[in-house]
Amino acid sequence: MTLLGVRVRELRATYGFEEVAIVPGDVTTNPELSVTQLDVGPYSFSIPIVASAMDAIVDPAFAGLMARAGGLGVMNLEGLYCRYEDPTDALREIASAPRENVTDALQRVYAAEFNEALVERRVQEIKATGAVAAVSVTPQRAKRLAPVAVEAGADIIVVQSTVTTARHISNSFTGLRLNELVREVDAPVIVGNMVTASAAMELMEQGIDGVLVGVGPGAACTTRDVTGVGVPQVSATLGVAAARDEFQARTGKYVTVLTDGGIRTGGDLCKAIAAGADGVMIGTPFAQTQEAPGKGFNWGMASPHPALPRGTRVNVGVHASLEQVLFGPSHRTDGTHNLVGALQICMSMVGAQTIPEFHERAELVVAPTIATEGKILQRSGQI
């Protein structure tokens, strides 16, 4: 825009979950016909839900529970489980720290030396549950740890940082070259996080199998406060999904898109997939389950950073079992339980029996009053 001869940069509108709605279709179907399958490389999962690689959520046991539920759990290889033979005391110290001292406690606990010998043990513990073993590493350690994990039996490698790009400038002579990593490891590689179509396209060109969408929307993440960086999840997912479709049309390869973070309710899950995601990565709703190792607390992977923490411990409480969160029965009316059931019903309202059909048929509209229209009694507590 030009104003009085001066060029002024304009802001483009972007939207999050609370600002959009899904339009029902002209044809509806029975919810039991809704197939919610998620594919990652050669692996298929009956529900499109991935548990975040957060120490308060995924340990080997929780990965096994996610597998039995039909989903996937990703364990953080650089977290507590490969720093401590038994992380019980470390988890307890984080949970019991006073609020004003929690960042110091996180930094102290995570200062324990990384023990590479535990990588093989943890991967084998996940495999022993019958789960597909998915593990997360940072770009800095991916070249070293990803081959070690795959040799130990890991099935899926997730390379994850706050913002990941195909072109990263550093003082390292070689740095991480994702195309080389993909060729070296005999396993699907998922990379994240990003929020733009251009960054996603460049990463897909490296031969990866999946991308994670989202910078800063998680309940335990403060990246947006600390750095000011982020894009609301619906707009970010729309852009990355468009890049996926263009990449598939050009190359024939389909890259899985996972919306990561900010998903609290079934409605959020449905909107993420309506925006083009193949599945979602969820954190805090799983931290609230009885089976999660955090016992009612959650914290992000960047929370213990020694110089610039970009997250905090949040007291999320323990509200339900994993079964209830995923499949119900729900005794709450806020959409936080029975996430899979919500997706199946939403798909039926749009007239889609599969997620690819849902992508084609679901229409999203900007609806800033969707959460407040007609809800004065709910908002005032008169229910």
Protein backbone atom coordinates (compact mmCIF):
# COMPACT_ATOMS: atom_id res chain seq x y z
CA MET A 1 0.00 0.00 0.00
CA THR A 2 1.24 3.49 -0.82
CA LEU A 3 0.29 6.33 1.50
CA LEU A 4 1.27 9.92 0.59
CA GLY A 5 4.07 8.58 -1.57
CA VAL A 6 5.40 6.33 1.24
CA ARG A 7 5.18 2.58 0.83
CA VAL A 8 3.65 1.01 3.95
CA ARG A 9 3.85 -2.70 4.64
CA GLU A 10 0.43 -4.23 5.10
CA LEU A 11 -0.43 -7.15 7.37
CA ARG A 12 -2.08 -10.23 5.93
CA ALA A 13 -4.90 -11.77 7.94
CA THR A 14 -4.24 -15.15 9.54
CA TYR A 15 -6.57 -17.32 11.59
CA GLY A 16 -6.51 -19.70 14.52
CA PHE A 17 -8.93 -22.35 15.71
CA GLU A 18 -11.24 -19.95 17.55
CA GLU A 19 -11.72 -17.72 14.49
CA VAL A 20 -12.99 -20.25 11.94
CA ALA A 21 -15.81 -22.75 11.55
CA ILE A 22 -16.53 -25.77 9.35
CA VAL A 23 -19.54 -25.54 7.05
CA PRO A 24 -21.76 -28.65 7.05
CA GLY A 25 -22.15 -30.45 3.74
CA ASP A 26 -25.17 -30.95 1.51
CA VAL A 27 -24.85 -34.71 2.07
CA THR A 28 -24.33 -36.37 5.45
CA THR A 29 -23.21 -39.88 6.41
CA ASN A 30 -23.38 -42.13 9.45
CA PRO A 31 -20.46 -41.44 11.85
CA GLU A 32 -19.57 -45.15 11.99
CA LEU A 33 -18.62 -44.92 8.31
CA SER A 34 -15.91 -42.36 9.06
CA VAL A 35 -12.44 -43.87 8.56
CA THR A 36 -9.79 -41.82 10.38
CA GLN A 37 -6.66 -43.57 9.11
CA LEU A 38 -3.28 -41.81 9.24
CA ASP A 39 -0.36 -42.97 7.07
CA VAL A 40 3.28 -42.16 7.75
CA GLY A 41 5.59 -43.77 5.22
CA PRO A 42 4.75 -47.49 5.25
CA TYR A 43 2.98 -47.30 8.63
CA SER A 44 -0.77 -46.90 9.07
CA PHE A 45 -2.61 -45.86 12.22
CA SER A 46 -6.34 -46.13 12.79
CA ILE A 47 -6.58 -42.70 14.44
CA PRO A 48 -4.84 -39.52 13.17
CA ILE A 49 -3.44 -38.53 16.54
CA VAL A 50 0.21 -38.42 17.61
CA ALA A 51 1.32 -37.83 21.22
CA SER A 52 3.92 -35.08 21.49
CA ALA A 53 7.56 -35.83 22.21
CA MET A 54 7.39 -34.24 25.65
CA ASP A 55 8.87 -35.87 28.72
CA ALA A 56 5.70 -35.33 30.74
CA ILE A 57 3.73 -37.32 28.19
CA VAL A 58 5.56 -40.02 26.25
CA ASP A 59 7.71 -42.60 27.94
CA PRO A 60 7.99 -46.16 26.58
CA ALA A 61 4.87 -47.26 28.46
CA PHE A 62 2.76 -44.38 27.14
CA ALA A 63 3.98 -45.09 23.60
CA GLY A 64 2.63 -48.60 24.04
CA LEU A 65 -0.74 -47.30 25.23
CA MET A 66 -0.99 -44.99 22.22
CA ALA A 67 -0.24 -47.93 19.94
CA ARG A 68 -2.98 -50.04 21.49
CA ALA A 69 -5.37 -47.12 20.98
CA GLY A 70 -4.46 -47.00 17.28
CA GLY A 71 -2.27 -43.89 17.40
CA LEU A 72 1.41 -43.03 17.71
CA GLY A 73 3.52 -41.74 20.58
CA VAL A 74 6.85 -39.99 19.96
CA MET A 75 9.50 -40.16 22.69
CA ASN A 76 12.07 -37.39 23.09
CA LEU A 77 15.49 -39.08 22.88
CA GLU A 78 17.26 -36.00 24.27
CA GLY A 79 15.05 -35.65 27.31
CA LEU A 80 14.99 -37.25 30.74
CA TYR A 81 14.71 -40.84 29.51
CA CYS A 82 18.19 -40.82 28.03
CA ARG A 83 19.72 -38.77 30.85
CA TYR A 84 18.63 -40.91 33.79
CA GLU A 85 18.58 -44.67 34.24
CA ASP A 86 15.41 -44.11 36.27
CA PRO A 87 13.83 -40.67 35.67
CA THR A 88 11.30 -41.02 38.51
CA ASP A 89 13.11 -38.66 40.89
CA ALA A 90 13.75 -36.12 38.13
CA LEU A 91 10.07 -36.08 37.19
CA ARG A 92 9.12 -35.72 40.85
CA GLU A 93 11.52 -32.80 41.33
CA ILE A 94 10.01 -30.91 38.41
CA ALA A 95 6.46 -31.55 39.61
CA SER A 96 7.18 -30.52 43.19
CA ALA A 97 9.17 -27.34 42.47
CA PRO A 98 7.51 -24.10 43.68
CA ARG A 99 6.16 -21.99 40.84
CA GLU A 100 8.74 -19.25 41.34
CA ASN A 101 11.61 -21.77 41.11
CA VAL A 102 10.35 -24.07 38.38
CA THR A 103 12.59 -22.77 35.60
CA ASP A 104 15.66 -23.22 37.79
CA ALA A 105 14.49 -26.75 38.61
CA LEU A 106 14.00 -27.60 34.94
CA GLN A 107 17.42 -26.26 34.01
CA ARG A 108 19.06 -28.18 36.87
CA VAL A 109 17.35 -31.48 36.09
CA TYR A 110 18.10 -31.27 32.37
CA ALA A 111 21.74 -30.41 33.03
CA ALA A 112 22.33 -34.13 33.70
CA GLU A 113 24.66 -35.59 31.10
CA PHE A 114 23.10 -37.23 28.07
CA ASN A 115 23.72 -40.99 28.10
CA GLU A 116 23.85 -42.36 24.57
CA ALA A 117 23.89 -45.91 25.91
CA LEU A 118 20.28 -45.43 27.02
CA VAL A 119 19.10 -44.76 23.46
CA GLU A 120 19.11 -48.44 22.53
CA ARG A 121 17.43 -49.43 25.79
CA ARG A 122 14.59 -46.93 25.43
CA VAL A 123 13.94 -47.86 21.80
CA GLN A 124 13.84 -51.53 22.74
CA GLU A 125 11.46 -50.76 25.63
CA ILE A 126 9.08 -49.08 23.17
CA LYS A 127 9.35 -52.01 20.76
CA ALA A 128 8.63 -54.44 23.59
CA THR A 129 5.18 -52.87 23.98
CA GLY A 130 4.37 -53.74 20.36
CA ALA A 131 4.35 -50.10 19.31
CA VAL A 132 5.83 -48.51 16.22
CA ALA A 133 8.90 -46.88 17.78
CA ALA A 134 8.96 -43.16 16.95
CA VAL A 135 11.66 -41.00 18.53
CA SER A 136 12.48 -37.31 18.39
CA VAL A 137 15.91 -35.68 18.03
CA THR A 138 17.02 -32.09 17.53
CA PRO A 139 18.76 -31.05 14.30
CA GLN A 140 21.99 -30.56 16.25
CA ARG A 141 22.15 -34.23 17.26
CA ALA A 142 20.26 -35.81 14.39
CA LYS A 143 23.33 -36.90 12.42
CA ARG A 144 24.64 -38.80 15.43
CA LEU A 145 21.51 -40.09 17.15
CA ALA A 146 19.15 -40.93 14.28
CA PRO A 147 21.34 -43.76 12.90
CA VAL A 148 21.93 -45.06 16.44
CA ALA A 149 18.19 -45.11 17.10
CA VAL A 150 17.36 -46.82 13.81
CA GLU A 151 20.04 -49.44 14.40
CA ALA A 152 18.42 -50.08 17.80
CA GLY A 153 15.05 -50.62 16.09
CA ALA A 154 13.44 -47.18 15.81
CA ASP A 155 10.80 -47.14 13.06
CA ILE A 156 10.21 -43.40 12.63
CA ILE A 157 12.62 -40.49 13.20
CA VAL A 158 11.27 -37.04 14.07
CA VAL A 159 13.74 -34.18 13.67
CA GLN A 160 12.24 -31.37 15.68
CA SER A 161 13.12 -27.84 16.74
CA THR A 162 11.16 -24.64 17.31
CA VAL A 163 11.69 -23.58 13.68
CA THR A 164 13.24 -25.90 11.10
CA THR A 165 14.26 -24.95 7.56
CA ALA A 166 16.07 -26.67 4.71
CA ARG A 167 18.52 -23.78 4.53
CA HIS A 168 20.13 -23.15 7.91
CA ILE A 169 23.16 -20.89 8.28
CA SER A 170 25.58 -21.72 11.09
CA ASN A 171 29.25 -21.87 12.00
CA SER A 172 29.28 -25.61 11.41
CA PHE A 173 31.23 -26.62 8.30
CA THR A 174 28.63 -29.12 7.18
CA GLY A 175 25.59 -28.80 9.47
CA LEU A 176 22.60 -31.08 9.12
CA ARG A 177 21.74 -31.96 5.54
CA LEU A 178 18.34 -33.57 5.66
CA ASN A 179 18.65 -35.19 2.24
CA GLU A 180 21.77 -37.00 3.46
CA LEU A 181 20.04 -38.05 6.69
CA VAL A 182 17.07 -39.42 4.73
CA ARG A 183 19.40 -41.49 2.58
CA GLU A 184 21.36 -42.74 5.58
CA VAL A 185 18.54 -43.92 7.84
CA ASP A 186 16.22 -46.70 6.73
CA ALA A 187 13.13 -45.16 8.30
CA PRO A 188 10.56 -42.45 7.56
CA VAL A 189 11.73 -39.00 8.62
CA ILE A 190 9.31 -36.36 9.92
CA VAL A 191 10.64 -32.81 10.25
CA GLY A 192 9.35 -29.76 12.12
CA ASN A 193 8.37 -27.25 12.93
CA MET A 194 7.37 -24.75 10.26
CA VAL A 195 4.41 -22.52 9.41
CA THR A 196 4.87 -21.43 5.80
CA ALA A 197 4.27 -23.11 2.46
CA SER A 198 7.67 -22.07 1.13
CA ALA A 199 9.63 -23.53 4.04
CA ALA A 200 7.54 -26.71 3.89
CA MET A 201 8.14 -27.09 0.15
CA GLU A 202 11.90 -26.78 0.55
CA LEU A 203 11.87 -29.38 3.31
CA MET A 204 9.78 -31.76 1.21
CA GLU A 205 12.36 -31.42 -1.55
CA GLN A 206 14.85 -33.05 0.83
CA GLY A 207 12.98 -36.36 0.61
CA ILE A 208 11.30 -36.34 4.02
CA ASP A 209 8.09 -38.22 4.77
CA GLY A 210 6.23 -35.84 7.06
CA VAL A 211 6.15 -32.28 8.41
CA LEU A 212 5.04 -30.75 11.69
CA VAL A 213 3.14 -27.46 11.51
CA GLY A 214 3.18 -24.99 14.37
CA VAL A 215 5.39 -22.46 16.11
CA GLY A 216 4.40 -21.50 19.63
CA PRO A 217 0.73 -22.55 20.00
CA GLY A 218 1.26 -25.19 22.71
CA ALA A 219 -0.07 -24.59 26.22
CA ALA A 220 3.40 -25.09 27.73
CA CYS A 221 5.24 -23.06 25.07
CA THR A 222 6.14 -19.36 25.42
CA THR A 223 7.97 -18.92 22.10
CA ARG A 224 5.44 -16.36 20.91
CA ASP A 225 5.91 -14.31 24.08
CA VAL A 226 9.70 -14.61 24.16
CA THR A 227 10.46 -14.09 20.46
CA GLY A 228 7.25 -12.77 18.91
CA VAL A 229 7.38 -15.52 16.26
CA GLY A 230 4.41 -17.63 15.19
CA VAL A 231 1.46 -17.98 12.82
CA PRO A 232 -2.03 -19.10 13.92
CA GLN A 233 -2.55 -22.78 13.27
CA VAL A 234 -5.40 -22.79 10.75
CA SER A 235 -3.62 -20.43 8.36
CA ALA A 236 -0.30 -22.23 8.88
CA THR A 237 -1.89 -25.60 8.14
CA LEU A 238 -3.66 -24.30 5.02
CA GLY A 239 -0.34 -23.07 3.63
CA VAL A 240 1.64 -26.22 4.36
CA ALA A 241 -1.14 -28.47 3.07
CA ALA A 242 -1.16 -26.50 -0.19
CA ALA A 243 2.58 -27.10 -0.48
CA ARG A 244 2.03 -30.82 0.11
CA ASP A 245 -0.58 -31.01 -2.64
CA GLU A 246 1.60 -29.13 -5.10
CA PHE A 247 4.59 -31.31 -4.22
CA GLN A 248 2.56 -34.47 -4.75
CA ALA A 249 1.24 -33.24 -8.11
CA ARG A 250 4.79 -32.53 -9.24
CA THR A 251 6.62 -35.56 -7.82
CA GLY A 252 3.98 -38.20 -7.04
CA LYS A 253 5.12 -38.39 -3.40
CA TYR A 254 2.65 -37.67 -0.61
CA VAL A 255 4.16 -36.04 2.48
CA THR A 256 2.16 -36.38 5.71
CA VAL A 257 1.16 -33.08 7.34
CA LEU A 258 0.70 -33.02 11.13
CA THR A 259 -0.62 -29.93 12.89
CA ASP A 260 1.37 -29.69 16.11
CA GLY A 261 0.13 -27.71 19.09
CA GLY A 262 -2.80 -25.61 20.22
CA ILE A 263 -5.31 -28.46 19.95
CA ARG A 264 -7.45 -28.70 23.08
CA THR A 265 -10.87 -29.84 21.92
CA GLY A 266 -12.47 -32.07 19.32
CA GLY A 267 -13.43 -28.93 17.42
CA ASP A 268 -9.78 -27.88 17.20
CA LEU A 269 -8.85 -31.33 15.91
CA CYS A 270 -11.57 -31.21 13.26
CA LYS A 271 -10.57 -27.73 12.10
CA ALA A 272 -6.91 -28.72 11.79
CA ILE A 273 -7.81 -31.64 9.52
CA ALA A 274 -10.36 -29.58 7.61
CA ALA A 275 -7.50 -27.15 6.91
CA GLY A 276 -5.57 -29.98 5.25
CA ALA A 277 -3.72 -31.79 8.00
CA ASP A 278 -3.53 -35.58 7.77
CA GLY A 279 -3.29 -35.80 11.53
CA VAL A 280 -2.41 -33.84 14.63
CA MET A 281 0.25 -33.90 17.33
CA ILE A 282 -1.24 -33.28 20.76
CA GLY A 283 0.45 -32.51 24.06
CA THR A 284 -1.42 -31.10 27.03
CA PRO A 285 -4.66 -33.15 26.65
CA PHE A 286 -2.49 -36.26 27.03
CA ALA A 287 -0.55 -34.73 29.94
CA GLN A 288 -3.92 -34.58 31.72
CA THR A 289 -4.41 -38.34 31.53
CA GLN A 290 -3.94 -40.76 34.39
CA GLU A 291 -1.29 -42.68 32.46
CA ALA A 292 1.01 -39.74 31.63
CA PRO A 293 4.36 -39.73 33.49
CA GLY A 294 4.10 -36.00 34.30
CA LYS A 295 1.31 -36.71 36.82
CA GLY A 296 -0.71 -33.60 36.03
CA PHE A 297 2.09 -31.33 34.86
CA ASN A 298 3.46 -30.53 31.42
CA TRP A 299 6.43 -28.60 30.05
CA GLY A 300 7.86 -27.98 26.61
CA MET A 301 11.14 -29.20 25.15
CA ALA A 302 12.56 -25.66 25.17
CA SER A 303 11.52 -24.98 28.78
CA PRO A 304 14.90 -25.98 30.31
CA HIS A 305 17.04 -24.04 27.77
CA PRO A 306 20.02 -22.74 29.80
CA ALA A 307 20.02 -19.23 28.28
CA LEU A 308 16.55 -18.50 26.84
CA PRO A 309 13.77 -20.76 28.13
CA ARG A 310 10.79 -20.73 25.75
CA GLY A 311 8.28 -22.61 27.84
CA THR A 312 7.23 -23.28 31.36
CA ARG A 313 5.74 -25.97 33.55
CA VAL A 314 1.96 -25.83 33.53
CA ASN A 315 -0.26 -27.50 36.10
CA VAL A 316 -2.82 -29.19 33.86
CA GLY A 317 -4.25 -31.58 36.43
CA VAL A 318 -5.36 -35.18 35.91
CA HIS A 319 -8.85 -35.35 34.43
CA ALA A 320 -9.37 -38.64 32.62
CA SER A 321 -7.89 -41.82 31.25
CA LEU A 322 -6.27 -41.97 27.84
CA GLU A 323 -9.24 -44.04 26.68
CA GLN A 324 -11.67 -41.30 27.70
CA VAL A 325 -9.70 -38.54 26.00
CA LEU A 326 -9.55 -40.47 22.74
CA PHE A 327 -12.80 -42.43 22.68
CA GLY A 328 -14.92 -41.44 25.69
CA PRO A 329 -17.26 -41.89 27.33
CA SER A 330 -17.19 -38.18 28.11
CA HIS A 331 -18.77 -36.62 31.15
CA ARG A 332 -17.71 -33.12 30.05
CA THR A 333 -19.43 -30.84 27.58
CA ASP A 334 -16.37 -28.78 26.59
CA GLY A 335 -15.12 -31.08 23.83
CA THR A 336 -11.95 -32.18 25.63
CA HIS A 337 -12.90 -35.88 25.75
CA ASN A 338 -13.72 -38.37 22.96
CA LEU A 339 -11.63 -36.55 20.35
CA VAL A 340 -11.93 -39.39 17.83
CA GLY A 341 -15.70 -39.49 18.20
CA ALA A 342 -15.86 -35.73 17.57
CA LEU A 343 -13.85 -36.15 14.37
CA GLN A 344 -16.05 -38.99 13.15
CA ILE A 345 -19.21 -36.97 13.74
CA CYS A 346 -17.72 -33.88 12.08
CA MET A 347 -16.75 -35.94 9.04
CA SER A 348 -20.30 -37.30 8.88
CA MET A 349 -21.73 -33.77 8.96
CA VAL A 350 -19.55 -32.84 5.98
CA GLY A 351 -20.39 -36.08 4.17
CA ALA A 352 -16.87 -37.47 4.14
CA GLN A 353 -16.00 -41.08 4.87
CA THR A 354 -12.20 -40.69 4.75
CA ILE A 355 -9.77 -37.93 5.64
CA PRO A 356 -8.85 -37.30 1.97
CA GLU A 357 -12.59 -36.86 1.27
CA PHE A 358 -12.80 -34.54 4.27
CA HIS A 359 -10.00 -32.41 2.77
CA GLU A 360 -11.96 -32.11 -0.46
CA ARG A 361 -15.41 -31.45 0.98
CA ALA A 362 -14.83 -29.43 4.15
CA GLU A 363 -15.27 -25.69 3.75
CA LEU A 364 -13.81 -23.36 6.38
CA VAL A 365 -15.21 -19.90 6.95
CA VAL A 366 -13.90 -16.99 8.99
CA ALA A 367 -16.23 -16.88 12.00
CA PRO A 368 -14.90 -14.71 14.85
CA THR A 369 -18.17 -15.10 16.79
CA ILE A 370 -18.38 -18.88 16.44
CA ALA A 371 -17.55 -19.45 20.11
CA THR A 372 -19.77 -16.65 21.49
CA GLU A 373 -22.88 -16.42 19.28
CA GLY A 374 -25.92 -17.30 21.37
CA LYS A 375 -23.76 -18.46 24.29
CA ILE A 376 -24.42 -15.68 26.81
CA LEU A 377 -25.71 -18.10 29.47
CA GLN A 378 -22.68 -20.37 29.08
CA ARG A 379 -20.29 -17.39 29.23
CA SER A 380 -21.97 -16.05 32.35
CA GLY A 381 -21.85 -19.43 34.08
CA GLN A 382 -25.63 -19.88 34.12
CA ILE A 383 -25.62 -23.55 33.14
